[in-house]
PDBML (XML) file of the C-alpha atoms, coordinates in Angstrom:
<?xml version="1.0" encoding="UTF-8" ?>
<PDBx:datablock datablockName="MODEL"
   xmlns:PDBx="http://pdbml.pdb.org/schema/pdbx-v50.xsd"
   xmlns:xsi="http://www.w3.org/2001/XMLSchema-instance"
   xsi:schemaLocation="http://pdbml.pdb.org/schema/pdbx-v50.xsd pdbx-v50.xsd">
   <PDBx:atom_siteCategory>
      <PDBx:atom_site id="1">
         <PDBx:B_iso_or_equiv>0.00</PDBx:B_iso_or_equiv>
         <PDBx:Cartn_x>-26.901</PDBx:Cartn_x>
         <PDBx:Cartn_y>-26.728</PDBx:Cartn_y>
         <PDBx:Cartn_z>-24.770</PDBx:Cartn_z>
         <PDBx:auth_asym_id>A</PDBx:auth_asym_id>
         <PDBx:auth_atom_id>CA</PDBx:auth_atom_id>
         <PDBx:auth_comp_id>UNK</PDBx:auth_comp_id>
         <PDBx:auth_seq_id>1</PDBx:auth_seq_id>
         <PDBx:group_PDB>ATOM</PDBx:group_PDB>
         <PDBx:label_alt_id xsi:nil="true" />
         <PDBx:label_asym_id>A</PDBx:label_asym_id>
         <PDBx:label_atom_id>CA</PDBx:label_atom_id>
         <PDBx:label_comp_id>UNK</PDBx:label_comp_id>
         <PDBx:label_entity_id>1</PDBx:label_entity_id>
         <PDBx:label_seq_id>1</PDBx:label_seq_id>
         <PDBx:occupancy>1.00</PDBx:occupancy>
         <PDBx:pdbx_PDB_model_num>1</PDBx:pdbx_PDB_model_num>
         <PDBx:type_symbol>C</PDBx:type_symbol>
      </PDBx:atom_site>
      <PDBx:atom_site id="2">
         <PDBx:B_iso_or_equiv>0.00</PDBx:B_iso_or_equiv>
         <PDBx:Cartn_x>-25.663</PDBx:Cartn_x>
         <PDBx:Cartn_y>-24.181</PDBx:Cartn_y>
         <PDBx:Cartn_z>-27.315</PDBx:Cartn_z>
         <PDBx:auth_asym_id>A</PDBx:auth_asym_id>
         <PDBx:auth_atom_id>CA</PDBx:auth_atom_id>
         <PDBx:auth_comp_id>UNK</PDBx:auth_comp_id>
         <PDBx:auth_seq_id>2</PDBx:auth_seq_id>
         <PDBx:group_PDB>ATOM</PDBx:group_PDB>
         <PDBx:label_alt_id xsi:nil="true" />
         <PDBx:label_asym_id>A</PDBx:label_asym_id>
         <PDBx:label_atom_id>CA</PDBx:label_atom_id>
         <PDBx:label_comp_id>UNK</PDBx:label_comp_id>
         <PDBx:label_entity_id>1</PDBx:label_entity_id>
         <PDBx:label_seq_id>2</PDBx:label_seq_id>
         <PDBx:occupancy>1.00</PDBx:occupancy>
         <PDBx:pdbx_PDB_model_num>1</PDBx:pdbx_PDB_model_num>
         <PDBx:type_symbol>C</PDBx:type_symbol>
      </PDBx:atom_site>
      <PDBx:atom_site id="3">
         <PDBx:B_iso_or_equiv>0.00</PDBx:B_iso_or_equiv>
         <PDBx:Cartn_x>-27.576</PDBx:Cartn_x>
         <PDBx:Cartn_y>-23.971</PDBx:Cartn_y>
         <PDBx:Cartn_z>-30.590</PDBx:Cartn_z>
         <PDBx:auth_asym_id>A</PDBx:auth_asym_id>
         <PDBx:auth_atom_id>CA</PDBx:auth_atom_id>
         <PDBx:auth_comp_id>UNK</PDBx:auth_comp_id>
         <PDBx:auth_seq_id>3</PDBx:auth_seq_id>
         <PDBx:group_PDB>ATOM</PDBx:group_PDB>
         <PDBx:label_alt_id xsi:nil="true" />
         <PDBx:label_asym_id>A</PDBx:label_asym_id>
         <PDBx:label_atom_id>CA</PDBx:label_atom_id>
         <PDBx:label_comp_id>UNK</PDBx:label_comp_id>
         <PDBx:label_entity_id>1</PDBx:label_entity_id>
         <PDBx:label_seq_id>3</PDBx:label_seq_id>
         <PDBx:occupancy>1.00</PDBx:occupancy>
         <PDBx:pdbx_PDB_model_num>1</PDBx:pdbx_PDB_model_num>
         <PDBx:type_symbol>C</PDBx:type_symbol>
      </PDBx:atom_site>
      <PDBx:atom_site id="4">
         <PDBx:B_iso_or_equiv>0.00</PDBx:B_iso_or_equiv>
         <PDBx:Cartn_x>-30.560</PDBx:Cartn_x>
         <PDBx:Cartn_y>-22.420</PDBx:Cartn_y>
         <PDBx:Cartn_z>-32.374</PDBx:Cartn_z>
         <PDBx:auth_asym_id>A</PDBx:auth_asym_id>
         <PDBx:auth_atom_id>CA</PDBx:auth_atom_id>
         <PDBx:auth_comp_id>UNK</PDBx:auth_comp_id>
         <PDBx:auth_seq_id>4</PDBx:auth_seq_id>
         <PDBx:group_PDB>ATOM</PDBx:group_PDB>
         <PDBx:label_alt_id xsi:nil="true" />
         <PDBx:label_asym_id>A</PDBx:label_asym_id>
         <PDBx:label_atom_id>CA</PDBx:label_atom_id>
         <PDBx:label_comp_id>UNK</PDBx:label_comp_id>
         <PDBx:label_entity_id>1</PDBx:label_entity_id>
         <PDBx:label_seq_id>4</PDBx:label_seq_id>
         <PDBx:occupancy>1.00</PDBx:occupancy>
         <PDBx:pdbx_PDB_model_num>1</PDBx:pdbx_PDB_model_num>
         <PDBx:type_symbol>C</PDBx:type_symbol>
      </PDBx:atom_site>
      <PDBx:atom_site id="5">
         <PDBx:B_iso_or_equiv>0.00</PDBx:B_iso_or_equiv>
         <PDBx:Cartn_x>-33.129</PDBx:Cartn_x>
         <PDBx:Cartn_y>-24.834</PDBx:Cartn_y>
         <PDBx:Cartn_z>-30.913</PDBx:Cartn_z>
         <PDBx:auth_asym_id>A</PDBx:auth_asym_id>
         <PDBx:auth_atom_id>CA</PDBx:auth_atom_id>
         <PDBx:auth_comp_id>UNK</PDBx:auth_comp_id>
         <PDBx:auth_seq_id>5</PDBx:auth_seq_id>
         <PDBx:group_PDB>ATOM</PDBx:group_PDB>
         <PDBx:label_alt_id xsi:nil="true" />
         <PDBx:label_asym_id>A</PDBx:label_asym_id>
         <PDBx:label_atom_id>CA</PDBx:label_atom_id>
         <PDBx:label_comp_id>UNK</PDBx:label_comp_id>
         <PDBx:label_entity_id>1</PDBx:label_entity_id>
         <PDBx:label_seq_id>5</PDBx:label_seq_id>
         <PDBx:occupancy>1.00</PDBx:occupancy>
         <PDBx:pdbx_PDB_model_num>1</PDBx:pdbx_PDB_model_num>
         <PDBx:type_symbol>C</PDBx:type_symbol>
      </PDBx:atom_site>
      <PDBx:atom_site id="6">
         <PDBx:B_iso_or_equiv>0.00</PDBx:B_iso_or_equiv>
         <PDBx:Cartn_x>-32.140</PDBx:Cartn_x>
         <PDBx:Cartn_y>-23.825</PDBx:Cartn_y>
         <PDBx:Cartn_z>-27.372</PDBx:Cartn_z>
         <PDBx:auth_asym_id>A</PDBx:auth_asym_id>
         <PDBx:auth_atom_id>CA</PDBx:auth_atom_id>
         <PDBx:auth_comp_id>UNK</PDBx:auth_comp_id>
         <PDBx:auth_seq_id>6</PDBx:auth_seq_id>
         <PDBx:group_PDB>ATOM</PDBx:group_PDB>
         <PDBx:label_alt_id xsi:nil="true" />
         <PDBx:label_asym_id>A</PDBx:label_asym_id>
         <PDBx:label_atom_id>CA</PDBx:label_atom_id>
         <PDBx:label_comp_id>UNK</PDBx:label_comp_id>
         <PDBx:label_entity_id>1</PDBx:label_entity_id>
         <PDBx:label_seq_id>6</PDBx:label_seq_id>
         <PDBx:occupancy>1.00</PDBx:occupancy>
         <PDBx:pdbx_PDB_model_num>1</PDBx:pdbx_PDB_model_num>
         <PDBx:type_symbol>C</PDBx:type_symbol>
      </PDBx:atom_site>
      <PDBx:atom_site id="7">
         <PDBx:B_iso_or_equiv>0.00</PDBx:B_iso_or_equiv>
         <PDBx:Cartn_x>-32.531</PDBx:Cartn_x>
         <PDBx:Cartn_y>-20.101</PDBx:Cartn_y>
         <PDBx:Cartn_z>-28.038</PDBx:Cartn_z>
         <PDBx:auth_asym_id>A</PDBx:auth_asym_id>
         <PDBx:auth_atom_id>CA</PDBx:auth_atom_id>
         <PDBx:auth_comp_id>UNK</PDBx:auth_comp_id>
         <PDBx:auth_seq_id>7</PDBx:auth_seq_id>
         <PDBx:group_PDB>ATOM</PDBx:group_PDB>
         <PDBx:label_alt_id xsi:nil="true" />
         <PDBx:label_asym_id>A</PDBx:label_asym_id>
         <PDBx:label_atom_id>CA</PDBx:label_atom_id>
         <PDBx:label_comp_id>UNK</PDBx:label_comp_id>
         <PDBx:label_entity_id>1</PDBx:label_entity_id>
         <PDBx:label_seq_id>7</PDBx:label_seq_id>
         <PDBx:occupancy>1.00</PDBx:occupancy>
         <PDBx:pdbx_PDB_model_num>1</PDBx:pdbx_PDB_model_num>
         <PDBx:type_symbol>C</PDBx:type_symbol>
      </PDBx:atom_site>
      <PDBx:atom_site id="8">
         <PDBx:B_iso_or_equiv>0.00</PDBx:B_iso_or_equiv>
         <PDBx:Cartn_x>-35.825</PDBx:Cartn_x>
         <PDBx:Cartn_y>-20.004</PDBx:Cartn_y>
         <PDBx:Cartn_z>-29.948</PDBx:Cartn_z>
         <PDBx:auth_asym_id>A</PDBx:auth_asym_id>
         <PDBx:auth_atom_id>CA</PDBx:auth_atom_id>
         <PDBx:auth_comp_id>UNK</PDBx:auth_comp_id>
         <PDBx:auth_seq_id>8</PDBx:auth_seq_id>
         <PDBx:group_PDB>ATOM</PDBx:group_PDB>
         <PDBx:label_alt_id xsi:nil="true" />
         <PDBx:label_asym_id>A</PDBx:label_asym_id>
         <PDBx:label_atom_id>CA</PDBx:label_atom_id>
         <PDBx:label_comp_id>UNK</PDBx:label_comp_id>
         <PDBx:label_entity_id>1</PDBx:label_entity_id>
         <PDBx:label_seq_id>8</PDBx:label_seq_id>
         <PDBx:occupancy>1.00</PDBx:occupancy>
         <PDBx:pdbx_PDB_model_num>1</PDBx:pdbx_PDB_model_num>
         <PDBx:type_symbol>C</PDBx:type_symbol>
      </PDBx:atom_site>
      <PDBx:atom_site id="9">
         <PDBx:B_iso_or_equiv>0.00</PDBx:B_iso_or_equiv>
         <PDBx:Cartn_x>-34.119</PDBx:Cartn_x>
         <PDBx:Cartn_y>-19.590</PDBx:Cartn_y>
         <PDBx:Cartn_z>-33.310</PDBx:Cartn_z>
         <PDBx:auth_asym_id>A</PDBx:auth_asym_id>
         <PDBx:auth_atom_id>CA</PDBx:auth_atom_id>
         <PDBx:auth_comp_id>UNK</PDBx:auth_comp_id>
         <PDBx:auth_seq_id>9</PDBx:auth_seq_id>
         <PDBx:group_PDB>ATOM</PDBx:group_PDB>
         <PDBx:label_alt_id xsi:nil="true" />
         <PDBx:label_asym_id>A</PDBx:label_asym_id>
         <PDBx:label_atom_id>CA</PDBx:label_atom_id>
         <PDBx:label_comp_id>UNK</PDBx:label_comp_id>
         <PDBx:label_entity_id>1</PDBx:label_entity_id>
         <PDBx:label_seq_id>9</PDBx:label_seq_id>
         <PDBx:occupancy>1.00</PDBx:occupancy>
         <PDBx:pdbx_PDB_model_num>1</PDBx:pdbx_PDB_model_num>
         <PDBx:type_symbol>C</PDBx:type_symbol>
      </PDBx:atom_site>
      <PDBx:atom_site id="10">
         <PDBx:B_iso_or_equiv>0.00</PDBx:B_iso_or_equiv>
         <PDBx:Cartn_x>-34.745</PDBx:Cartn_x>
         <PDBx:Cartn_y>-22.951</PDBx:Cartn_y>
         <PDBx:Cartn_z>-35.030</PDBx:Cartn_z>
         <PDBx:auth_asym_id>A</PDBx:auth_asym_id>
         <PDBx:auth_atom_id>CA</PDBx:auth_atom_id>
         <PDBx:auth_comp_id>UNK</PDBx:auth_comp_id>
         <PDBx:auth_seq_id>10</PDBx:auth_seq_id>
         <PDBx:group_PDB>ATOM</PDBx:group_PDB>
         <PDBx:label_alt_id xsi:nil="true" />
         <PDBx:label_asym_id>A</PDBx:label_asym_id>
         <PDBx:label_atom_id>CA</PDBx:label_atom_id>
         <PDBx:label_comp_id>UNK</PDBx:label_comp_id>
         <PDBx:label_entity_id>1</PDBx:label_entity_id>
         <PDBx:label_seq_id>10</PDBx:label_seq_id>
         <PDBx:occupancy>1.00</PDBx:occupancy>
         <PDBx:pdbx_PDB_model_num>1</PDBx:pdbx_PDB_model_num>
         <PDBx:type_symbol>C</PDBx:type_symbol>
      </PDBx:atom_site>
      <PDBx:atom_site id="11">
         <PDBx:B_iso_or_equiv>0.00</PDBx:B_iso_or_equiv>
         <PDBx:Cartn_x>-37.241</PDBx:Cartn_x>
         <PDBx:Cartn_y>-23.326</PDBx:Cartn_y>
         <PDBx:Cartn_z>-37.841</PDBx:Cartn_z>
         <PDBx:auth_asym_id>A</PDBx:auth_asym_id>
         <PDBx:auth_atom_id>CA</PDBx:auth_atom_id>
         <PDBx:auth_comp_id>UNK</PDBx:auth_comp_id>
         <PDBx:auth_seq_id>11</PDBx:auth_seq_id>
         <PDBx:group_PDB>ATOM</PDBx:group_PDB>
         <PDBx:label_alt_id xsi:nil="true" />
         <PDBx:label_asym_id>A</PDBx:label_asym_id>
         <PDBx:label_atom_id>CA</PDBx:label_atom_id>
         <PDBx:label_comp_id>UNK</PDBx:label_comp_id>
         <PDBx:label_entity_id>1</PDBx:label_entity_id>
         <PDBx:label_seq_id>11</PDBx:label_seq_id>
         <PDBx:occupancy>1.00</PDBx:occupancy>
         <PDBx:pdbx_PDB_model_num>1</PDBx:pdbx_PDB_model_num>
         <PDBx:type_symbol>C</PDBx:type_symbol>
      </PDBx:atom_site>
      <PDBx:atom_site id="12">
         <PDBx:B_iso_or_equiv>0.00</PDBx:B_iso_or_equiv>
         <PDBx:Cartn_x>-38.648</PDBx:Cartn_x>
         <PDBx:Cartn_y>-26.782</PDBx:Cartn_y>
         <PDBx:Cartn_z>-37.133</PDBx:Cartn_z>
         <PDBx:auth_asym_id>A</PDBx:auth_asym_id>
         <PDBx:auth_atom_id>CA</PDBx:auth_atom_id>
         <PDBx:auth_comp_id>UNK</PDBx:auth_comp_id>
         <PDBx:auth_seq_id>12</PDBx:auth_seq_id>
         <PDBx:group_PDB>ATOM</PDBx:group_PDB>
         <PDBx:label_alt_id xsi:nil="true" />
         <PDBx:label_asym_id>A</PDBx:label_asym_id>
         <PDBx:label_atom_id>CA</PDBx:label_atom_id>
         <PDBx:label_comp_id>UNK</PDBx:label_comp_id>
         <PDBx:label_entity_id>1</PDBx:label_entity_id>
         <PDBx:label_seq_id>12</PDBx:label_seq_id>
         <PDBx:occupancy>1.00</PDBx:occupancy>
         <PDBx:pdbx_PDB_model_num>1</PDBx:pdbx_PDB_model_num>
         <PDBx:type_symbol>C</PDBx:type_symbol>
      </PDBx:atom_site>
      <PDBx:atom_site id="13">
         <PDBx:B_iso_or_equiv>0.00</PDBx:B_iso_or_equiv>
         <PDBx:Cartn_x>-38.674</PDBx:Cartn_x>
         <PDBx:Cartn_y>-27.040</PDBx:Cartn_y>
         <PDBx:Cartn_z>-33.338</PDBx:Cartn_z>
         <PDBx:auth_asym_id>A</PDBx:auth_asym_id>
         <PDBx:auth_atom_id>CA</PDBx:auth_atom_id>
         <PDBx:auth_comp_id>UNK</PDBx:auth_comp_id>
         <PDBx:auth_seq_id>13</PDBx:auth_seq_id>
         <PDBx:group_PDB>ATOM</PDBx:group_PDB>
         <PDBx:label_alt_id xsi:nil="true" />
         <PDBx:label_asym_id>A</PDBx:label_asym_id>
         <PDBx:label_atom_id>CA</PDBx:label_atom_id>
         <PDBx:label_comp_id>UNK</PDBx:label_comp_id>
         <PDBx:label_entity_id>1</PDBx:label_entity_id>
         <PDBx:label_seq_id>13</PDBx:label_seq_id>
         <PDBx:occupancy>1.00</PDBx:occupancy>
         <PDBx:pdbx_PDB_model_num>1</PDBx:pdbx_PDB_model_num>
         <PDBx:type_symbol>C</PDBx:type_symbol>
      </PDBx:atom_site>
      <PDBx:atom_site id="14">
         <PDBx:B_iso_or_equiv>0.00</PDBx:B_iso_or_equiv>
         <PDBx:Cartn_x>-37.495</PDBx:Cartn_x>
         <PDBx:Cartn_y>-25.150</PDBx:Cartn_y>
         <PDBx:Cartn_z>-30.250</PDBx:Cartn_z>
         <PDBx:auth_asym_id>A</PDBx:auth_asym_id>
         <PDBx:auth_atom_id>CA</PDBx:auth_atom_id>
         <PDBx:auth_comp_id>UNK</PDBx:auth_comp_id>
         <PDBx:auth_seq_id>14</PDBx:auth_seq_id>
         <PDBx:group_PDB>ATOM</PDBx:group_PDB>
         <PDBx:label_alt_id xsi:nil="true" />
         <PDBx:label_asym_id>A</PDBx:label_asym_id>
         <PDBx:label_atom_id>CA</PDBx:label_atom_id>
         <PDBx:label_comp_id>UNK</PDBx:label_comp_id>
         <PDBx:label_entity_id>1</PDBx:label_entity_id>
         <PDBx:label_seq_id>14</PDBx:label_seq_id>
         <PDBx:occupancy>1.00</PDBx:occupancy>
         <PDBx:pdbx_PDB_model_num>1</PDBx:pdbx_PDB_model_num>
         <PDBx:type_symbol>C</PDBx:type_symbol>
      </PDBx:atom_site>
      <PDBx:atom_site id="15">
         <PDBx:B_iso_or_equiv>0.00</PDBx:B_iso_or_equiv>
         <PDBx:Cartn_x>-36.810</PDBx:Cartn_x>
         <PDBx:Cartn_y>-26.308</PDBx:Cartn_y>
         <PDBx:Cartn_z>-26.707</PDBx:Cartn_z>
         <PDBx:auth_asym_id>A</PDBx:auth_asym_id>
         <PDBx:auth_atom_id>CA</PDBx:auth_atom_id>
         <PDBx:auth_comp_id>UNK</PDBx:auth_comp_id>
         <PDBx:auth_seq_id>15</PDBx:auth_seq_id>
         <PDBx:group_PDB>ATOM</PDBx:group_PDB>
         <PDBx:label_alt_id xsi:nil="true" />
         <PDBx:label_asym_id>A</PDBx:label_asym_id>
         <PDBx:label_atom_id>CA</PDBx:label_atom_id>
         <PDBx:label_comp_id>UNK</PDBx:label_comp_id>
         <PDBx:label_entity_id>1</PDBx:label_entity_id>
         <PDBx:label_seq_id>15</PDBx:label_seq_id>
         <PDBx:occupancy>1.00</PDBx:occupancy>
         <PDBx:pdbx_PDB_model_num>1</PDBx:pdbx_PDB_model_num>
         <PDBx:type_symbol>C</PDBx:type_symbol>
      </PDBx:atom_site>
      <PDBx:atom_site id="16">
         <PDBx:B_iso_or_equiv>0.00</PDBx:B_iso_or_equiv>
         <PDBx:Cartn_x>-38.544</PDBx:Cartn_x>
         <PDBx:Cartn_y>-24.918</PDBx:Cartn_y>
         <PDBx:Cartn_z>-23.636</PDBx:Cartn_z>
         <PDBx:auth_asym_id>A</PDBx:auth_asym_id>
         <PDBx:auth_atom_id>CA</PDBx:auth_atom_id>
         <PDBx:auth_comp_id>UNK</PDBx:auth_comp_id>
         <PDBx:auth_seq_id>16</PDBx:auth_seq_id>
         <PDBx:group_PDB>ATOM</PDBx:group_PDB>
         <PDBx:label_alt_id xsi:nil="true" />
         <PDBx:label_asym_id>A</PDBx:label_asym_id>
         <PDBx:label_atom_id>CA</PDBx:label_atom_id>
         <PDBx:label_comp_id>UNK</PDBx:label_comp_id>
         <PDBx:label_entity_id>1</PDBx:label_entity_id>
         <PDBx:label_seq_id>16</PDBx:label_seq_id>
         <PDBx:occupancy>1.00</PDBx:occupancy>
         <PDBx:pdbx_PDB_model_num>1</PDBx:pdbx_PDB_model_num>
         <PDBx:type_symbol>C</PDBx:type_symbol>
      </PDBx:atom_site>
      <PDBx:atom_site id="17">
         <PDBx:B_iso_or_equiv>0.00</PDBx:B_iso_or_equiv>
         <PDBx:Cartn_x>-35.703</PDBx:Cartn_x>
         <PDBx:Cartn_y>-24.623</PDBx:Cartn_y>
         <PDBx:Cartn_z>-21.158</PDBx:Cartn_z>
         <PDBx:auth_asym_id>A</PDBx:auth_asym_id>
         <PDBx:auth_atom_id>CA</PDBx:auth_atom_id>
         <PDBx:auth_comp_id>UNK</PDBx:auth_comp_id>
         <PDBx:auth_seq_id>17</PDBx:auth_seq_id>
         <PDBx:group_PDB>ATOM</PDBx:group_PDB>
         <PDBx:label_alt_id xsi:nil="true" />
         <PDBx:label_asym_id>A</PDBx:label_asym_id>
         <PDBx:label_atom_id>CA</PDBx:label_atom_id>
         <PDBx:label_comp_id>UNK</PDBx:label_comp_id>
         <PDBx:label_entity_id>1</PDBx:label_entity_id>
         <PDBx:label_seq_id>17</PDBx:label_seq_id>
         <PDBx:occupancy>1.00</PDBx:occupancy>
         <PDBx:pdbx_PDB_model_num>1</PDBx:pdbx_PDB_model_num>
         <PDBx:type_symbol>C</PDBx:type_symbol>
      </PDBx:atom_site>
      <PDBx:atom_site id="18">
         <PDBx:B_iso_or_equiv>0.00</PDBx:B_iso_or_equiv>
         <PDBx:Cartn_x>-34.505</PDBx:Cartn_x>
         <PDBx:Cartn_y>-23.003</PDBx:Cartn_y>
         <PDBx:Cartn_z>-17.937</PDBx:Cartn_z>
         <PDBx:auth_asym_id>A</PDBx:auth_asym_id>
         <PDBx:auth_atom_id>CA</PDBx:auth_atom_id>
         <PDBx:auth_comp_id>UNK</PDBx:auth_comp_id>
         <PDBx:auth_seq_id>18</PDBx:auth_seq_id>
         <PDBx:group_PDB>ATOM</PDBx:group_PDB>
         <PDBx:label_alt_id xsi:nil="true" />
         <PDBx:label_asym_id>A</PDBx:label_asym_id>
         <PDBx:label_atom_id>CA</PDBx:label_atom_id>
         <PDBx:label_comp_id>UNK</PDBx:label_comp_id>
         <PDBx:label_entity_id>1</PDBx:label_entity_id>
         <PDBx:label_seq_id>18</PDBx:label_seq_id>
         <PDBx:occupancy>1.00</PDBx:occupancy>
         <PDBx:pdbx_PDB_model_num>1</PDBx:pdbx_PDB_model_num>
         <PDBx:type_symbol>C</PDBx:type_symbol>
      </PDBx:atom_site>
      <PDBx:atom_site id="19">
         <PDBx:B_iso_or_equiv>0.00</PDBx:B_iso_or_equiv>
         <PDBx:Cartn_x>-31.082</PDBx:Cartn_x>
         <PDBx:Cartn_y>-21.838</PDBx:Cartn_y>
         <PDBx:Cartn_z>-16.756</PDBx:Cartn_z>
         <PDBx:auth_asym_id>A</PDBx:auth_asym_id>
         <PDBx:auth_atom_id>CA</PDBx:auth_atom_id>
         <PDBx:auth_comp_id>UNK</PDBx:auth_comp_id>
         <PDBx:auth_seq_id>19</PDBx:auth_seq_id>
         <PDBx:group_PDB>ATOM</PDBx:group_PDB>
         <PDBx:label_alt_id xsi:nil="true" />
         <PDBx:label_asym_id>A</PDBx:label_asym_id>
         <PDBx:label_atom_id>CA</PDBx:label_atom_id>
         <PDBx:label_comp_id>UNK</PDBx:label_comp_id>
         <PDBx:label_entity_id>1</PDBx:label_entity_id>
         <PDBx:label_seq_id>19</PDBx:label_seq_id>
         <PDBx:occupancy>1.00</PDBx:occupancy>
         <PDBx:pdbx_PDB_model_num>1</PDBx:pdbx_PDB_model_num>
         <PDBx:type_symbol>C</PDBx:type_symbol>
      </PDBx:atom_site>
      <PDBx:atom_site id="20">
         <PDBx:B_iso_or_equiv>0.00</PDBx:B_iso_or_equiv>
         <PDBx:Cartn_x>-29.936</PDBx:Cartn_x>
         <PDBx:Cartn_y>-19.974</PDBx:Cartn_y>
         <PDBx:Cartn_z>-13.684</PDBx:Cartn_z>
         <PDBx:auth_asym_id>A</PDBx:auth_asym_id>
         <PDBx:auth_atom_id>CA</PDBx:auth_atom_id>
         <PDBx:auth_comp_id>UNK</PDBx:auth_comp_id>
         <PDBx:auth_seq_id>20</PDBx:auth_seq_id>
         <PDBx:group_PDB>ATOM</PDBx:group_PDB>
         <PDBx:label_alt_id xsi:nil="true" />
         <PDBx:label_asym_id>A</PDBx:label_asym_id>
         <PDBx:label_atom_id>CA</PDBx:label_atom_id>
         <PDBx:label_comp_id>UNK</PDBx:label_comp_id>
         <PDBx:label_entity_id>1</PDBx:label_entity_id>
         <PDBx:label_seq_id>20</PDBx:label_seq_id>
         <PDBx:occupancy>1.00</PDBx:occupancy>
         <PDBx:pdbx_PDB_model_num>1</PDBx:pdbx_PDB_model_num>
         <PDBx:type_symbol>C</PDBx:type_symbol>
      </PDBx:atom_site>
      <PDBx:atom_site id="21">
         <PDBx:B_iso_or_equiv>0.00</PDBx:B_iso_or_equiv>
         <PDBx:Cartn_x>-27.340</PDBx:Cartn_x>
         <PDBx:Cartn_y>-17.205</PDBx:Cartn_y>
         <PDBx:Cartn_z>-13.594</PDBx:Cartn_z>
         <PDBx:auth_asym_id>A</PDBx:auth_asym_id>
         <PDBx:auth_atom_id>CA</PDBx:auth_atom_id>
         <PDBx:auth_comp_id>UNK</PDBx:auth_comp_id>
         <PDBx:auth_seq_id>21</PDBx:auth_seq_id>
         <PDBx:group_PDB>ATOM</PDBx:group_PDB>
         <PDBx:label_alt_id xsi:nil="true" />
         <PDBx:label_asym_id>A</PDBx:label_asym_id>
         <PDBx:label_atom_id>CA</PDBx:label_atom_id>
         <PDBx:label_comp_id>UNK</PDBx:label_comp_id>
         <PDBx:label_entity_id>1</PDBx:label_entity_id>
         <PDBx:label_seq_id>21</PDBx:label_seq_id>
         <PDBx:occupancy>1.00</PDBx:occupancy>
         <PDBx:pdbx_PDB_model_num>1</PDBx:pdbx_PDB_model_num>
         <PDBx:type_symbol>C</PDBx:type_symbol>
      </PDBx:atom_site>
      <PDBx:atom_site id="22">
         <PDBx:B_iso_or_equiv>0.00</PDBx:B_iso_or_equiv>
         <PDBx:Cartn_x>-25.283</PDBx:Cartn_x>
         <PDBx:Cartn_y>-17.594</PDBx:Cartn_y>
         <PDBx:Cartn_z>-10.415</PDBx:Cartn_z>
         <PDBx:auth_asym_id>A</PDBx:auth_asym_id>
         <PDBx:auth_atom_id>CA</PDBx:auth_atom_id>
         <PDBx:auth_comp_id>UNK</PDBx:auth_comp_id>
         <PDBx:auth_seq_id>22</PDBx:auth_seq_id>
         <PDBx:group_PDB>ATOM</PDBx:group_PDB>
         <PDBx:label_alt_id xsi:nil="true" />
         <PDBx:label_asym_id>A</PDBx:label_asym_id>
         <PDBx:label_atom_id>CA</PDBx:label_atom_id>
         <PDBx:label_comp_id>UNK</PDBx:label_comp_id>
         <PDBx:label_entity_id>1</PDBx:label_entity_id>
         <PDBx:label_seq_id>22</PDBx:label_seq_id>
         <PDBx:occupancy>1.00</PDBx:occupancy>
         <PDBx:pdbx_PDB_model_num>1</PDBx:pdbx_PDB_model_num>
         <PDBx:type_symbol>C</PDBx:type_symbol>
      </PDBx:atom_site>
      <PDBx:atom_site id="23">
         <PDBx:B_iso_or_equiv>0.00</PDBx:B_iso_or_equiv>
         <PDBx:Cartn_x>-23.036</PDBx:Cartn_x>
         <PDBx:Cartn_y>-14.981</PDBx:Cartn_y>
         <PDBx:Cartn_z>-8.798</PDBx:Cartn_z>
         <PDBx:auth_asym_id>A</PDBx:auth_asym_id>
         <PDBx:auth_atom_id>CA</PDBx:auth_atom_id>
         <PDBx:auth_comp_id>UNK</PDBx:auth_comp_id>
         <PDBx:auth_seq_id>23</PDBx:auth_seq_id>
         <PDBx:group_PDB>ATOM</PDBx:group_PDB>
         <PDBx:label_alt_id xsi:nil="true" />
         <PDBx:label_asym_id>A</PDBx:label_asym_id>
         <PDBx:label_atom_id>CA</PDBx:label_atom_id>
         <PDBx:label_comp_id>UNK</PDBx:label_comp_id>
         <PDBx:label_entity_id>1</PDBx:label_entity_id>
         <PDBx:label_seq_id>23</PDBx:label_seq_id>
         <PDBx:occupancy>1.00</PDBx:occupancy>
         <PDBx:pdbx_PDB_model_num>1</PDBx:pdbx_PDB_model_num>
         <PDBx:type_symbol>C</PDBx:type_symbol>
      </PDBx:atom_site>
      <PDBx:atom_site id="24">
         <PDBx:B_iso_or_equiv>0.00</PDBx:B_iso_or_equiv>
         <PDBx:Cartn_x>-20.557</PDBx:Cartn_x>
         <PDBx:Cartn_y>-15.149</PDBx:Cartn_y>
         <PDBx:Cartn_z>-5.941</PDBx:Cartn_z>
         <PDBx:auth_asym_id>A</PDBx:auth_asym_id>
         <PDBx:auth_atom_id>CA</PDBx:auth_atom_id>
         <PDBx:auth_comp_id>UNK</PDBx:auth_comp_id>
         <PDBx:auth_seq_id>24</PDBx:auth_seq_id>
         <PDBx:group_PDB>ATOM</PDBx:group_PDB>
         <PDBx:label_alt_id xsi:nil="true" />
         <PDBx:label_asym_id>A</PDBx:label_asym_id>
         <PDBx:label_atom_id>CA</PDBx:label_atom_id>
         <PDBx:label_comp_id>UNK</PDBx:label_comp_id>
         <PDBx:label_entity_id>1</PDBx:label_entity_id>
         <PDBx:label_seq_id>24</PDBx:label_seq_id>
         <PDBx:occupancy>1.00</PDBx:occupancy>
         <PDBx:pdbx_PDB_model_num>1</PDBx:pdbx_PDB_model_num>
         <PDBx:type_symbol>C</PDBx:type_symbol>
      </PDBx:atom_site>
      <PDBx:atom_site id="25">
         <PDBx:B_iso_or_equiv>0.00</PDBx:B_iso_or_equiv>
         <PDBx:Cartn_x>-18.807</PDBx:Cartn_x>
         <PDBx:Cartn_y>-18.009</PDBx:Cartn_y>
         <PDBx:Cartn_z>-4.107</PDBx:Cartn_z>
         <PDBx:auth_asym_id>A</PDBx:auth_asym_id>
         <PDBx:auth_atom_id>CA</PDBx:auth_atom_id>
         <PDBx:auth_comp_id>UNK</PDBx:auth_comp_id>
         <PDBx:auth_seq_id>25</PDBx:auth_seq_id>
         <PDBx:group_PDB>ATOM</PDBx:group_PDB>
         <PDBx:label_alt_id xsi:nil="true" />
         <PDBx:label_asym_id>A</PDBx:label_asym_id>
         <PDBx:label_atom_id>CA</PDBx:label_atom_id>
         <PDBx:label_comp_id>UNK</PDBx:label_comp_id>
         <PDBx:label_entity_id>1</PDBx:label_entity_id>
         <PDBx:label_seq_id>25</PDBx:label_seq_id>
         <PDBx:occupancy>1.00</PDBx:occupancy>
         <PDBx:pdbx_PDB_model_num>1</PDBx:pdbx_PDB_model_num>
         <PDBx:type_symbol>C</PDBx:type_symbol>
      </PDBx:atom_site>
   </PDBx:atom_siteCategory>
</PDBx:datablock>
């Protein structure tokens, strides 16, 4: 999602996550 905890910027807990950048059709 979008927020501090999803980008390693929260002070009390951060999520370990994975996305994929896709290109093309």
